[in-house]
Amino acid sequence: GEVRGDECVDMLQAMNTGHISMSTGHANTARDMLSRLETMFLMGMDL
């Protein structure tokens, strides 16, 4: 339904392992959404 925090890690891992996925997130532009996804990913995993 919506990605707000460190669950971004597991959603992207699902997408990268062949599971078709759809989701939503808060951002004012598509570029801002990418920045937010980066931040949310780093909240859940130090890479």
ModelCIF file with pLDDT and N, C-alpha, C, O atoms, coordinates in Angstrom:
data_MODEL
#
_entry.id   MODEL 
#
_entity.id                         1 
_entity.type                       polymer 
_entity.pdbx_number_of_molecules   1 
#
_entity_poly.entity_id                      1 
_entity_poly.type                           'polypeptide(L)' 
_entity_poly.nstd_linkage                   no 
_entity_poly.nstd_monomer                   no 
_entity_poly.pdbx_seq_one_letter_code       GEVRGDECVDMLQAMNTGHISMSTGHANTARDMLSRLETMFLMGMDL 
_entity_poly.pdbx_seq_one_letter_code_can   GEVRGDECVDMLQAMNTGHISMSTGHANTARDMLSRLETMFLMGMDL 
_entity_poly.pdbx_strand_id                 A 
#
loop_
_entity_poly_seq.entity_id 
_entity_poly_seq.num 
_entity_poly_seq.mon_id 
_entity_poly_seq.hetero 
1 1  GLY n 
1 2  GLU n 
1 3  VAL n 
1 4  ARG n 
1 5  GLY n 
1 6  ASP n 
1 7  GLU n 
1 8  CYS n 
1 9  VAL n 
1 10 ASP n 
1 11 MET n 
1 12 LEU n 
1 13 GLN n 
1 14 ALA n 
1 15 MET n 
1 16 ASN n 
1 17 THR n 
1 18 GLY n 
1 19 HIS n 
1 20 ILE n 
1 21 SER n 
1 22 MET n 
1 23 SER n 
1 24 THR n 
1 25 GLY n 
1 26 HIS n 
1 27 ALA n 
1 28 ASN n 
1 29 THR n 
1 30 ALA n 
1 31 ARG n 
1 32 ASP n 
1 33 MET n 
1 34 LEU n 
1 35 SER n 
1 36 ARG n 
1 37 LEU n 
1 38 GLU n 
1 39 THR n 
1 40 MET n 
1 41 PHE n 
1 42 LEU n 
1 43 MET n 
1 44 GLY n 
1 45 MET n 
1 46 ASP n 
1 47 LEU n 
#
_struct_asym.id          A 
_struct_asym.entity_id   1 
#
loop_
_ma_qa_metric.id 
_ma_qa_metric.mode 
_ma_qa_metric.name 
_ma_qa_metric.software_group_id 
_ma_qa_metric.type 
1 global pLDDT . pLDDT 
2 local  pLDDT . pLDDT 
#
_ma_qa_metric_global.metric_id      1 
_ma_qa_metric_global.metric_value   92.00 
_ma_qa_metric_global.model_id       1 
_ma_qa_metric_global.ordinal_id     1 
#
loop_
_ma_qa_metric_local.label_asym_id 
_ma_qa_metric_local.label_comp_id 
_ma_qa_metric_local.label_seq_id 
_ma_qa_metric_local.metric_id 
_ma_qa_metric_local.metric_value 
_ma_qa_metric_local.model_id 
_ma_qa_metric_local.ordinal_id 
A GLY 1  2 90.00 1 1  
A GLU 2  2 91.00 1 2  
A VAL 3  2 92.00 1 3  
A ARG 4  2 90.00 1 4  
A GLY 5  2 89.00 1 5  
A ASP 6  2 91.00 1 6  
A GLU 7  2 92.00 1 7  
A CYS 8  2 94.00 1 8  
A VAL 9  2 93.00 1 9  
A ASP 10 2 92.00 1 10 
A MET 11 2 93.00 1 11 
A LEU 12 2 93.00 1 12 
A GLN 13 2 90.00 1 13 
A ALA 14 2 91.00 1 14 
A MET 15 2 92.00 1 15 
A ASN 16 2 90.00 1 16 
A THR 17 2 87.00 1 17 
A GLY 18 2 86.00 1 18 
A HIS 19 2 88.00 1 19 
A ILE 20 2 89.00 1 20 
A SER 21 2 90.00 1 21 
A MET 22 2 94.00 1 22 
A SER 23 2 95.00 1 23 
A THR 24 2 95.00 1 24 
A GLY 25 2 94.00 1 25 
A HIS 26 2 94.00 1 26 
A ALA 27 2 94.00 1 27 
A ASN 28 2 93.00 1 28 
A THR 29 2 94.00 1 29 
A ALA 30 2 94.00 1 30 
A ARG 31 2 93.00 1 31 
A ASP 32 2 95.00 1 32 
A MET 33 2 95.00 1 33 
A LEU 34 2 94.00 1 34 
A SER 35 2 94.00 1 35 
A ARG 36 2 94.00 1 36 
A LEU 37 2 95.00 1 37 
A GLU 38 2 94.00 1 38 
A THR 39 2 94.00 1 39 
A MET 40 2 94.00 1 40 
A PHE 41 2 94.00 1 41 
A LEU 42 2 93.00 1 42 
A MET 43 2 91.00 1 43 
A GLY 44 2 89.00 1 44 
A MET 45 2 88.00 1 45 
A ASP 46 2 88.00 1 46 
A LEU 47 2 89.00 1 47 
#
loop_
_atom_site.group_PDB 
_atom_site.id 
_atom_site.type_symbol 
_atom_site.label_atom_id 
_atom_site.label_alt_id 
_atom_site.label_comp_id 
_atom_site.label_asym_id 
_atom_site.label_entity_id 
_atom_site.label_seq_id 
_atom_site.pdbx_PDB_ins_code 
_atom_site.Cartn_x 
_atom_site.Cartn_y 
_atom_site.Cartn_z 
_atom_site.occupancy 
_atom_site.B_iso_or_equiv 
_atom_site.pdbx_formal_charge 
_atom_site.auth_seq_id 
_atom_site.auth_comp_id 
_atom_site.auth_asym_id 
_atom_site.auth_atom_id 
_atom_site.pdbx_PDB_model_num 
ATOM 1   N N  . GLY A 1 1  ? 0.802  -1.223  0.000   1.00 90.00 ? 1  GLY A N  1 
ATOM 2   C CA . GLY A 1 1  ? 0.000  0.000   0.000   1.00 90.00 ? 1  GLY A CA 1 
ATOM 3   C C  . GLY A 1 1  ? 0.825  1.259   0.000   1.00 90.00 ? 1  GLY A C  1 
ATOM 4   O O  . GLY A 1 1  ? 0.569  2.163   -0.795  1.00 90.00 ? 1  GLY A O  1 
ATOM 5   N N  . GLU A 1 2  ? 1.817  1.344   0.877   1.00 91.00 ? 2  GLU A N  1 
ATOM 6   C CA . GLU A 1 2  ? 2.681  2.525   0.928   1.00 91.00 ? 2  GLU A CA 1 
ATOM 7   C C  . GLU A 1 2  ? 3.987  2.173   1.615   1.00 91.00 ? 2  GLU A C  1 
ATOM 8   O O  . GLU A 1 2  ? 4.015  1.425   2.592   1.00 91.00 ? 2  GLU A O  1 
ATOM 9   N N  . VAL A 1 3  ? 5.072  2.732   1.081   1.00 92.00 ? 3  VAL A N  1 
ATOM 10  C CA . VAL A 1 3  ? 6.396  2.527   1.660   1.00 92.00 ? 3  VAL A CA 1 
ATOM 11  C C  . VAL A 1 3  ? 6.807  3.815   2.367   1.00 92.00 ? 3  VAL A C  1 
ATOM 12  O O  . VAL A 1 3  ? 6.832  4.888   1.766   1.00 92.00 ? 3  VAL A O  1 
ATOM 13  N N  . ARG A 1 4  ? 7.132  3.687   3.669   1.00 90.00 ? 4  ARG A N  1 
ATOM 14  C CA . ARG A 1 4  ? 7.482  4.874   4.453   1.00 90.00 ? 4  ARG A CA 1 
ATOM 15  C C  . ARG A 1 4  ? 8.850  4.776   5.128   1.00 90.00 ? 4  ARG A C  1 
ATOM 16  O O  . ARG A 1 4  ? 9.425  5.794   5.515   1.00 90.00 ? 4  ARG A O  1 
ATOM 17  N N  . GLY A 1 5  ? 9.375  3.550   5.269   1.00 89.00 ? 5  GLY A N  1 
ATOM 18  C CA . GLY A 1 5  ? 10.599 3.413   6.050   1.00 89.00 ? 5  GLY A CA 1 
ATOM 19  C C  . GLY A 1 5  ? 11.461 2.270   5.573   1.00 89.00 ? 5  GLY A C  1 
ATOM 20  O O  . GLY A 1 5  ? 11.634 2.063   4.372   1.00 89.00 ? 5  GLY A O  1 
ATOM 21  N N  . ASP A 1 6  ? 12.011 1.515   6.541   1.00 91.00 ? 6  ASP A N  1 
ATOM 22  C CA . ASP A 1 6  ? 12.999 0.497   6.197   1.00 91.00 ? 6  ASP A CA 1 
ATOM 23  C C  . ASP A 1 6  ? 12.409 -0.690  5.448   1.00 91.00 ? 6  ASP A C  1 
ATOM 24  O O  . ASP A 1 6  ? 13.158 -1.538  4.963   1.00 91.00 ? 6  ASP A O  1 
ATOM 25  N N  . GLU A 1 7  ? 11.069 -0.773  5.338   1.00 92.00 ? 7  GLU A N  1 
ATOM 26  C CA . GLU A 1 7  ? 10.481 -1.841  4.517   1.00 92.00 ? 7  GLU A CA 1 
ATOM 27  C C  . GLU A 1 7  ? 10.850 -1.690  3.043   1.00 92.00 ? 7  GLU A C  1 
ATOM 28  O O  . GLU A 1 7  ? 10.665 -2.611  2.248   1.00 92.00 ? 7  GLU A O  1 
ATOM 29  N N  . CYS A 1 8  ? 11.372 -0.519  2.691   1.00 94.00 ? 8  CYS A N  1 
ATOM 30  C CA . CYS A 1 8  ? 11.852 -0.283  1.320   1.00 94.00 ? 8  CYS A CA 1 
ATOM 31  C C  . CYS A 1 8  ? 12.900 -1.325  0.918   1.00 94.00 ? 8  CYS A C  1 
ATOM 32  O O  . CYS A 1 8  ? 12.963 -1.731  -0.242  1.00 94.00 ? 8  CYS A O  1 
ATOM 33  N N  . VAL A 1 9  ? 13.720 -1.754  1.881   1.00 93.00 ? 9  VAL A N  1 
ATOM 34  C CA . VAL A 1 9  ? 14.750 -2.759  1.602   1.00 93.00 ? 9  VAL A CA 1 
ATOM 35  C C  . VAL A 1 9  ? 14.127 -4.048  1.091   1.00 93.00 ? 9  VAL A C  1 
ATOM 36  O O  . VAL A 1 9  ? 14.548 -4.579  0.063   1.00 93.00 ? 9  VAL A O  1 
ATOM 37  N N  . ASP A 1 10 ? 13.135 -4.546  1.796   1.00 92.00 ? 10 ASP A N  1 
ATOM 38  C CA . ASP A 1 10 ? 12.524 -5.828  1.434   1.00 92.00 ? 10 ASP A CA 1 
ATOM 39  C C  . ASP A 1 10 ? 11.698 -5.712  0.158   1.00 92.00 ? 10 ASP A C  1 
ATOM 40  O O  . ASP A 1 10 ? 11.644 -6.653  -0.633  1.00 92.00 ? 10 ASP A O  1 
ATOM 41  N N  . MET A 1 11 ? 11.050 -4.553  -0.048  1.00 93.00 ? 11 MET A N  1 
ATOM 42  C CA . MET A 1 11 ? 10.283 -4.376  -1.281  1.00 93.00 ? 11 MET A CA 1 
ATOM 43  C C  . MET A 1 11 ? 11.210 -4.403  -2.500  1.00 93.00 ? 11 MET A C  1 
ATOM 44  O O  . MET A 1 11 ? 10.898 -5.042  -3.504  1.00 93.00 ? 11 MET A O  1 
ATOM 45  N N  . LEU A 1 12 ? 12.347 -3.711  -2.412  1.00 93.00 ? 12 LEU A N  1 
ATOM 46  C CA . LEU A 1 12 ? 13.274 -3.687  -3.545  1.00 93.00 ? 12 LEU A CA 1 
ATOM 47  C C  . LEU A 1 12 ? 13.930 -5.046  -3.758  1.00 93.00 ? 12 LEU A C  1 
ATOM 48  O O  . LEU A 1 12 ? 14.200 -5.435  -4.894  1.00 93.00 ? 12 LEU A O  1 
ATOM 49  N N  . GLN A 1 13 ? 14.186 -5.766  -2.674  1.00 90.00 ? 13 GLN A N  1 
ATOM 50  C CA . GLN A 1 13 ? 14.741 -7.103  -2.837  1.00 90.00 ? 13 GLN A CA 1 
ATOM 51  C C  . GLN A 1 13 ? 13.738 -8.028  -3.507  1.00 90.00 ? 13 GLN A C  1 
ATOM 52  O O  . GLN A 1 13 ? 14.118 -8.888  -4.302  1.00 90.00 ? 13 GLN A O  1 
ATOM 53  N N  . ALA A 1 14 ? 12.459 -7.857  -3.191  1.00 91.00 ? 14 ALA A N  1 
ATOM 54  C CA . ALA A 1 14 ? 11.423 -8.647  -3.864  1.00 91.00 ? 14 ALA A CA 1 
ATOM 55  C C  . ALA A 1 14 ? 11.383 -8.306  -5.353  1.00 91.00 ? 14 ALA A C  1 
ATOM 56  O O  . ALA A 1 14 ? 11.281 -9.192  -6.202  1.00 91.00 ? 14 ALA A O  1 
ATOM 57  N N  . MET A 1 15 ? 11.464 -7.011  -5.657  1.00 92.00 ? 15 MET A N  1 
ATOM 58  C CA . MET A 1 15 ? 11.447 -6.595  -7.065  1.00 92.00 ? 15 MET A CA 1 
ATOM 59  C C  . MET A 1 15 ? 12.652 -7.130  -7.822  1.00 92.00 ? 15 MET A C  1 
ATOM 60  O O  . MET A 1 15 ? 12.557 -7.455  -9.005  1.00 92.00 ? 15 MET A O  1 
ATOM 61  N N  . ASN A 1 16 ? 13.779 -7.220  -7.140  1.00 90.00 ? 16 ASN A N  1 
ATOM 62  C CA . ASN A 1 16 ? 15.007 -7.656  -7.797  1.00 90.00 ? 16 ASN A CA 1 
ATOM 63  C C  . ASN A 1 16 ? 15.165 -9.171  -7.851  1.00 90.00 ? 16 ASN A C  1 
ATOM 64  O O  . ASN A 1 16 ? 16.132 -9.679  -8.417  1.00 90.00 ? 16 ASN A O  1 
ATOM 65  N N  . THR A 1 17 ? 14.213 -9.890  -7.262  1.00 87.00 ? 17 THR A N  1 
ATOM 66  C CA . THR A 1 17 ? 14.289 -11.359 -7.302  1.00 87.00 ? 17 THR A CA 1 
ATOM 67  C C  . THR A 1 17 ? 13.124 -11.952 -8.091  1.00 87.00 ? 17 THR A C  1 
ATOM 68  O O  . THR A 1 17 ? 12.747 -13.104 -7.878  1.00 87.00 ? 17 THR A O  1 
ATOM 69  N N  . GLY A 1 18 ? 12.561 -11.169 -8.994  1.00 86.00 ? 18 GLY A N  1 
ATOM 70  C CA . GLY A 1 18 ? 11.569 -11.700 -9.918  1.00 86.00 ? 18 GLY A CA 1 
ATOM 71  C C  . GLY A 1 18 ? 10.133 -11.594 -9.468  1.00 86.00 ? 18 GLY A C  1 
ATOM 72  O O  . GLY A 1 18 ? 9.240  -12.101 -10.147 1.00 86.00 ? 18 GLY A O  1 
ATOM 73  N N  . HIS A 1 19 ? 9.879  -10.945 -8.335  1.00 88.00 ? 19 HIS A N  1 
ATOM 74  C CA . HIS A 1 19 ? 8.499  -10.780 -7.878  1.00 88.00 ? 19 HIS A CA 1 
ATOM 75  C C  . HIS A 1 19 ? 7.952  -9.452  -8.384  1.00 88.00 ? 19 HIS A C  1 
ATOM 76  O O  . HIS A 1 19 ? 8.471  -8.390  -8.040  1.00 88.00 ? 19 HIS A O  1 
ATOM 77  N N  . ILE A 1 20 ? 6.921  -9.513  -9.188  1.00 89.00 ? 20 ILE A N  1 
ATOM 78  C CA . ILE A 1 20 ? 6.295  -8.313  -9.713  1.00 89.00 ? 20 ILE A CA 1 
ATOM 79  C C  . ILE A 1 20 ? 5.660  -7.546  -8.567  1.00 89.00 ? 20 ILE A C  1 
ATOM 80  O O  . ILE A 1 20 ? 4.915  -8.123  -7.775  1.00 89.00 ? 20 ILE A O  1 
ATOM 81  N N  . SER A 1 21 ? 5.943  -6.249  -8.469  1.00 90.00 ? 21 SER A N  1 
ATOM 82  C CA . SER A 1 21 ? 5.467  -5.476  -7.335  1.00 90.00 ? 21 SER A CA 1 
ATOM 83  C C  . SER A 1 21 ? 4.930  -4.118  -7.761  1.00 90.00 ? 21 SER A C  1 
ATOM 84  O O  . SER A 1 21 ? 5.341  -3.551  -8.773  1.00 90.00 ? 21 SER A O  1 
ATOM 85  N N  . MET A 1 22 ? 4.004  -3.617  -6.962  1.00 94.00 ? 22 MET A N  1 
ATOM 86  C CA . MET A 1 22 ? 3.472  -2.265  -7.123  1.00 94.00 ? 22 MET A CA 1 
ATOM 87  C C  . MET A 1 22 ? 3.381  -1.644  -5.739  1.00 94.00 ? 22 MET A C  1 
ATOM 88  O O  . MET A 1 22 ? 3.093  -2.329  -4.759  1.00 94.00 ? 22 MET A O  1 
ATOM 89  N N  . SER A 1 23 ? 3.631  -0.325  -5.665  1.00 95.00 ? 23 SER A N  1 
ATOM 90  C CA . SER A 1 23 ? 3.571  0.343   -4.378  1.00 95.00 ? 23 SER A CA 1 
ATOM 91  C C  . SER A 1 23 ? 3.417  1.841   -4.581  1.00 95.00 ? 23 SER A C  1 
ATOM 92  O O  . SER A 1 23 ? 3.393  2.327   -5.712  1.00 95.00 ? 23 SER A O  1 
ATOM 93  N N  . THR A 1 24 ? 3.312  2.578   -3.459  1.00 95.00 ? 24 THR A N  1 
ATOM 94  C CA . THR A 1 24 ? 3.195  4.031   -3.505  1.00 95.00 ? 24 THR A CA 1 
ATOM 95  C C  . THR A 1 24 ? 4.128  4.651   -2.475  1.00 95.00 ? 24 THR A C  1 
ATOM 96  O O  . THR A 1 24 ? 4.618  3.978   -1.568  1.00 95.00 ? 24 THR A O  1 
ATOM 97  N N  . GLY A 1 25 ? 4.362  5.959   -2.639  1.00 94.00 ? 25 GLY A N  1 
ATOM 98  C CA . GLY A 1 25 ? 5.184  6.697   -1.684  1.00 94.00 ? 25 GLY A CA 1 
ATOM 99  C C  . GLY A 1 25 ? 4.951  8.189   -1.814  1.00 94.00 ? 25 GLY A C  1 
ATOM 100 O O  . GLY A 1 25 ? 4.457  8.664   -2.837  1.00 94.00 ? 25 GLY A O  1 
ATOM 101 N N  . HIS A 1 26 ? 5.306  8.923   -0.779  1.00 94.00 ? 26 HIS A N  1 
ATOM 102 C CA . HIS A 1 26 ? 5.112  10.377  -0.755  1.00 94.00 ? 26 HIS A CA 1 
ATOM 103 C C  . HIS A 1 26 ? 6.332  11.091  -1.346  1.00 94.00 ? 26 HIS A C  1 
ATOM 104 O O  . HIS A 1 26 ? 7.461  10.873  -0.906  1.00 94.00 ? 26 HIS A O  1 
ATOM 105 N N  . ALA A 1 27 ? 6.097  11.932  -2.330  1.00 94.00 ? 27 ALA A N  1 
ATOM 106 C CA . ALA A 1 27 ? 7.147  12.789  -2.897  1.00 94.00 ? 27 ALA A CA 1 
ATOM 107 C C  . ALA A 1 27 ? 6.504  13.792  -3.845  1.00 94.00 ? 27 ALA A C  1 
ATOM 108 O O  . ALA A 1 27 ? 5.434  13.539  -4.398  1.00 94.00 ? 27 ALA A O  1 
ATOM 109 N N  . ASN A 1 28 ? 7.165  14.936  -4.030  1.00 93.00 ? 28 ASN A N  1 
ATOM 110 C CA . ASN A 1 28 ? 6.613  15.989  -4.877  1.00 93.00 ? 28 ASN A CA 1 
ATOM 111 C C  . ASN A 1 28 ? 6.963  15.815  -6.348  1.00 93.00 ? 28 ASN A C  1 
ATOM 112 O O  . ASN A 1 28 ? 6.255  16.326  -7.215  1.00 93.00 ? 28 ASN A O  1 
ATOM 113 N N  . THR A 1 29 ? 8.038  15.105  -6.639  1.00 94.00 ? 29 THR A N  1 
ATOM 114 C CA . THR A 1 29 ? 8.428  14.822  -8.019  1.00 94.00 ? 29 THR A CA 1 
ATOM 115 C C  . THR A 1 29 ? 8.987  13.408  -8.089  1.00 94.00 ? 29 THR A C  1 
ATOM 116 O O  . THR A 1 29 ? 9.295  12.801  -7.064  1.00 94.00 ? 29 THR A O  1 
ATOM 117 N N  . ALA A 1 30 ? 9.114  12.891  -9.307  1.00 94.00 ? 30 ALA A N  1 
ATOM 118 C CA . ALA A 1 30 ? 9.672  11.549  -9.474  1.00 94.00 ? 30 ALA A CA 1 
ATOM 119 C C  . ALA A 1 30 ? 11.127 11.507  -9.006  1.00 94.00 ? 30 ALA A C  1 
ATOM 120 O O  . ALA A 1 30 ? 11.552 10.520  -8.406  1.00 94.00 ? 30 ALA A O  1 
ATOM 121 N N  . ARG A 1 31 ? 11.897 12.574  -9.275  1.00 93.00 ? 31 ARG A N  1 
ATOM 122 C CA . ARG A 1 31 ? 13.287 12.624  -8.825  1.00 93.00 ? 31 ARG A CA 1 
ATOM 123 C C  . ARG A 1 31 ? 13.355 12.649  -7.306  1.00 93.00 ? 31 ARG A C  1 
ATOM 124 O O  . ARG A 1 31 ? 14.213 11.995  -6.713  1.00 93.00 ? 31 ARG A O  1 
ATOM 125 N N  . ASP A 1 32 ? 12.448 13.406  -6.664  1.00 95.00 ? 32 ASP A N  1 
ATOM 126 C CA . ASP A 1 32 ? 12.417 13.425  -5.201  1.00 95.00 ? 32 ASP A CA 1 
ATOM 127 C C  . ASP A 1 32 ? 12.072 12.051  -4.638  1.00 95.00 ? 32 ASP A C  1 
ATOM 128 O O  . ASP A 1 32 ? 12.561 11.672  -3.573  1.00 95.00 ? 32 ASP A O  1 
ATOM 129 N N  . MET A 1 33 ? 11.225 11.300  -5.357  1.00 95.00 ? 33 MET A N  1 
ATOM 130 C CA . MET A 1 33 ? 10.867 9.967   -4.894  1.00 95.00 ? 33 MET A CA 1 
ATOM 131 C C  . MET A 1 33 ? 12.087 9.060   -4.864  1.00 95.00 ? 33 MET A C  1 
ATOM 132 O O  . MET A 1 33 ? 12.234 8.246   -3.953  1.00 95.00 ? 33 MET A O  1 
ATOM 133 N N  . LEU A 1 34 ? 12.954 9.194   -5.844  1.00 94.00 ? 34 LEU A N  1 
ATOM 134 C CA . LEU A 1 34 ? 14.172 8.387   -5.862  1.00 94.00 ? 34 LEU A CA 1 
ATOM 135 C C  . LEU A 1 34 ? 15.058 8.727   -4.668  1.00 94.00 ? 34 LEU A C  1 
ATOM 136 O O  . LEU A 1 34 ? 15.639 7.836   -4.047  1.00 94.00 ? 34 LEU A O  1 
ATOM 137 N N  . SER A 1 35 ? 15.162 10.021  -4.348  1.00 94.00 ? 35 SER A N  1 
ATOM 138 C CA . SER A 1 35 ? 15.965 10.437  -3.192  1.00 94.00 ? 35 SER A CA 1 
ATOM 139 C C  . SER A 1 35 ? 15.377 9.884   -1.900  1.00 94.00 ? 35 SER A C  1 
ATOM 140 O O  . SER A 1 35 ? 16.114 9.454   -1.013  1.00 94.00 ? 35 SER A O  1 
ATOM 141 N N  . ARG A 1 36 ? 14.047 9.895   -1.795  1.00 94.00 ? 36 ARG A N  1 
ATOM 142 C CA . ARG A 1 36 ? 13.408 9.361   -0.597  1.00 94.00 ? 36 ARG A CA 1 
ATOM 143 C C  . ARG A 1 36 ? 13.621 7.852   -0.493  1.00 94.00 ? 36 ARG A C  1 
ATOM 144 O O  . ARG A 1 36 ? 13.851 7.332   0.599   1.00 94.00 ? 36 ARG A O  1 
ATOM 145 N N  . LEU A 1 37 ? 13.547 7.150   -1.622  1.00 95.00 ? 37 LEU A N  1 
ATOM 146 C CA . LEU A 1 37 ? 13.784 5.704   -1.606  1.00 95.00 ? 37 LEU A CA 1 
ATOM 147 C C  . LEU A 1 37 ? 15.206 5.390   -1.152  1.00 95.00 ? 37 LEU A C  1 
ATOM 148 O O  . LEU A 1 37 ? 15.429 4.432   -0.412  1.00 95.00 ? 37 LEU A O  1 
ATOM 149 N N  . GLU A 1 38 ? 16.166 6.197   -1.595  1.00 94.00 ? 38 GLU A N  1 
ATOM 150 C CA . GLU A 1 38 ? 17.546 6.005   -1.154  1.00 94.00 ? 38 GLU A CA 1 
ATOM 151 C C  . GLU A 1 38 ? 17.649 6.151   0.364   1.00 94.00 ? 38 GLU A C  1 
ATOM 152 O O  . GLU A 1 38 ? 18.294 5.344   1.034   1.00 94.00 ? 38 GLU A O  1 
ATOM 153 N N  . THR A 1 39 ? 16.998 7.199   0.899   1.00 94.00 ? 39 THR A N  1 
ATOM 154 C CA . THR A 1 39 ? 17.031 7.446   2.337   1.00 94.00 ? 39 THR A CA 1 
ATOM 155 C C  . THR A 1 39 ? 16.355 6.307   3.109   1.00 94.00 ? 39 THR A C  1 
ATOM 156 O O  . THR A 1 39 ? 16.872 5.847   4.128   1.00 94.00 ? 39 THR A O  1 
ATOM 157 N N  . MET A 1 40 ? 15.201 5.859   2.617   1.00 94.00 ? 40 MET A N  1 
ATOM 158 C CA . MET A 1 40 ? 14.480 4.785   3.296   1.00 94.00 ? 40 MET A CA 1 
ATOM 159 C C  . MET A 1 40 ? 15.266 3.484   3.260   1.00 94.00 ? 40 MET A C  1 
ATOM 160 O O  . MET A 1 40 ? 15.252 2.725   4.229   1.00 94.00 ? 40 MET A O  1 
ATOM 161 N N  . PHE A 1 41 ? 15.943 3.220   2.167   1.00 94.00 ? 41 PHE A N  1 
ATOM 162 C CA . PHE A 1 41 ? 16.757 2.005   2.068   1.00 94.00 ? 41 PHE A CA 1 
ATOM 163 C C  . PHE A 1 41 ? 17.878 2.041   3.111   1.00 94.00 ? 41 PHE A C  1 
ATOM 164 O O  . PHE A 1 41 ? 18.149 1.043   3.778   1.00 94.00 ? 41 PHE A O  1 
ATOM 165 N N  . LEU A 1 42 ? 18.521 3.200   3.242   1.00 93.00 ? 42 LEU A N  1 
ATOM 166 C CA . LEU A 1 42 ? 19.628 3.326   4.193   1.00 93.00 ? 42 LEU A CA 1 
ATOM 167 C C  . LEU A 1 42 ? 19.143 3.255   5.637   1.00 93.00 ? 42 LEU A C  1 
ATOM 168 O O  . LEU A 1 42 ? 19.932 2.964   6.536   1.00 93.00 ? 42 LEU A O  1 
ATOM 169 N N  . MET A 1 43 ? 17.853 3.518   5.874   1.00 91.00 ? 43 MET A N  1 
ATOM 170 C CA . MET A 1 43 ? 17.286 3.352   7.217   1.00 91.00 ? 43 MET A CA 1 
ATOM 171 C C  . MET A 1 43 ? 17.263 1.887   7.624   1.00 91.00 ? 43 MET A C  1 
ATOM 172 O O  . MET A 1 43 ? 17.299 1.570   8.813   1.00 91.00 ? 43 MET A O  1 
ATOM 173 N N  . GLY A 1 44 ? 17.202 0.992   6.645   1.00 89.00 ? 44 GLY A N  1 
ATOM 174 C CA . GLY A 1 44 ? 17.072 -0.431  6.942   1.00 89.00 ? 44 GLY A CA 1 
ATOM 175 C C  . GLY A 1 44 ? 18.325 -1.247  6.706   1.00 89.00 ? 44 GLY A C  1 
ATOM 176 O O  . GLY A 1 44 ? 18.440 -2.361  7.216   1.00 89.00 ? 44 GLY A O  1 
ATOM 177 N N  . MET A 1 45 ? 19.272 -0.711  5.938   1.00 88.00 ? 45 MET A N  1 
ATOM 178 C CA . MET A 1 45 ? 20.484 -1.476  5.639   1.00 88.00 ? 45 MET A CA 1 
ATOM 179 C C  . MET A 1 45 ? 21.621 -0.513  5.327   1.00 88.00 ? 45 MET A C  1 
ATOM 180 O O  . MET A 1 45 ? 21.453 0.439   4.566   1.00 88.00 ? 45 MET A O  1 
ATOM 181 N N  . ASP A 1 46 ? 22.773 -0.772  5.921   1.00 88.00 ? 46 ASP A N  1 
ATOM 182 C CA . ASP A 1 46 ? 23.939 0.087   5.733   1.00 88.00 ? 46 ASP A CA 1 
ATOM 183 C C  . ASP A 1 46 ? 24.740 -0.416  4.542   1.00 88.00 ? 46 ASP A C  1 
ATOM 184 O O  . ASP A 1 46 ? 25.543 -1.341  4.664   1.00 88.00 ? 46 ASP A O  1 
ATOM 185 N N  . LEU A 1 47 ? 24.511 0.207   3.385   1.00 89.00 ? 47 LEU A N  1 
ATOM 186 C CA . LEU A 1 47 ? 25.225 -0.147  2.164   1.00 89.00 ? 47 LEU A CA 1 
ATOM 187 C C  . LEU A 1 47 ? 25.786 1.122   1.522   1.00 89.00 ? 47 LEU A C  1 
ATOM 188 O O  . LEU A 1 47 ? 26.428 1.051   0.474   1.00 89.00 ? 47 LEU A O  1 
#
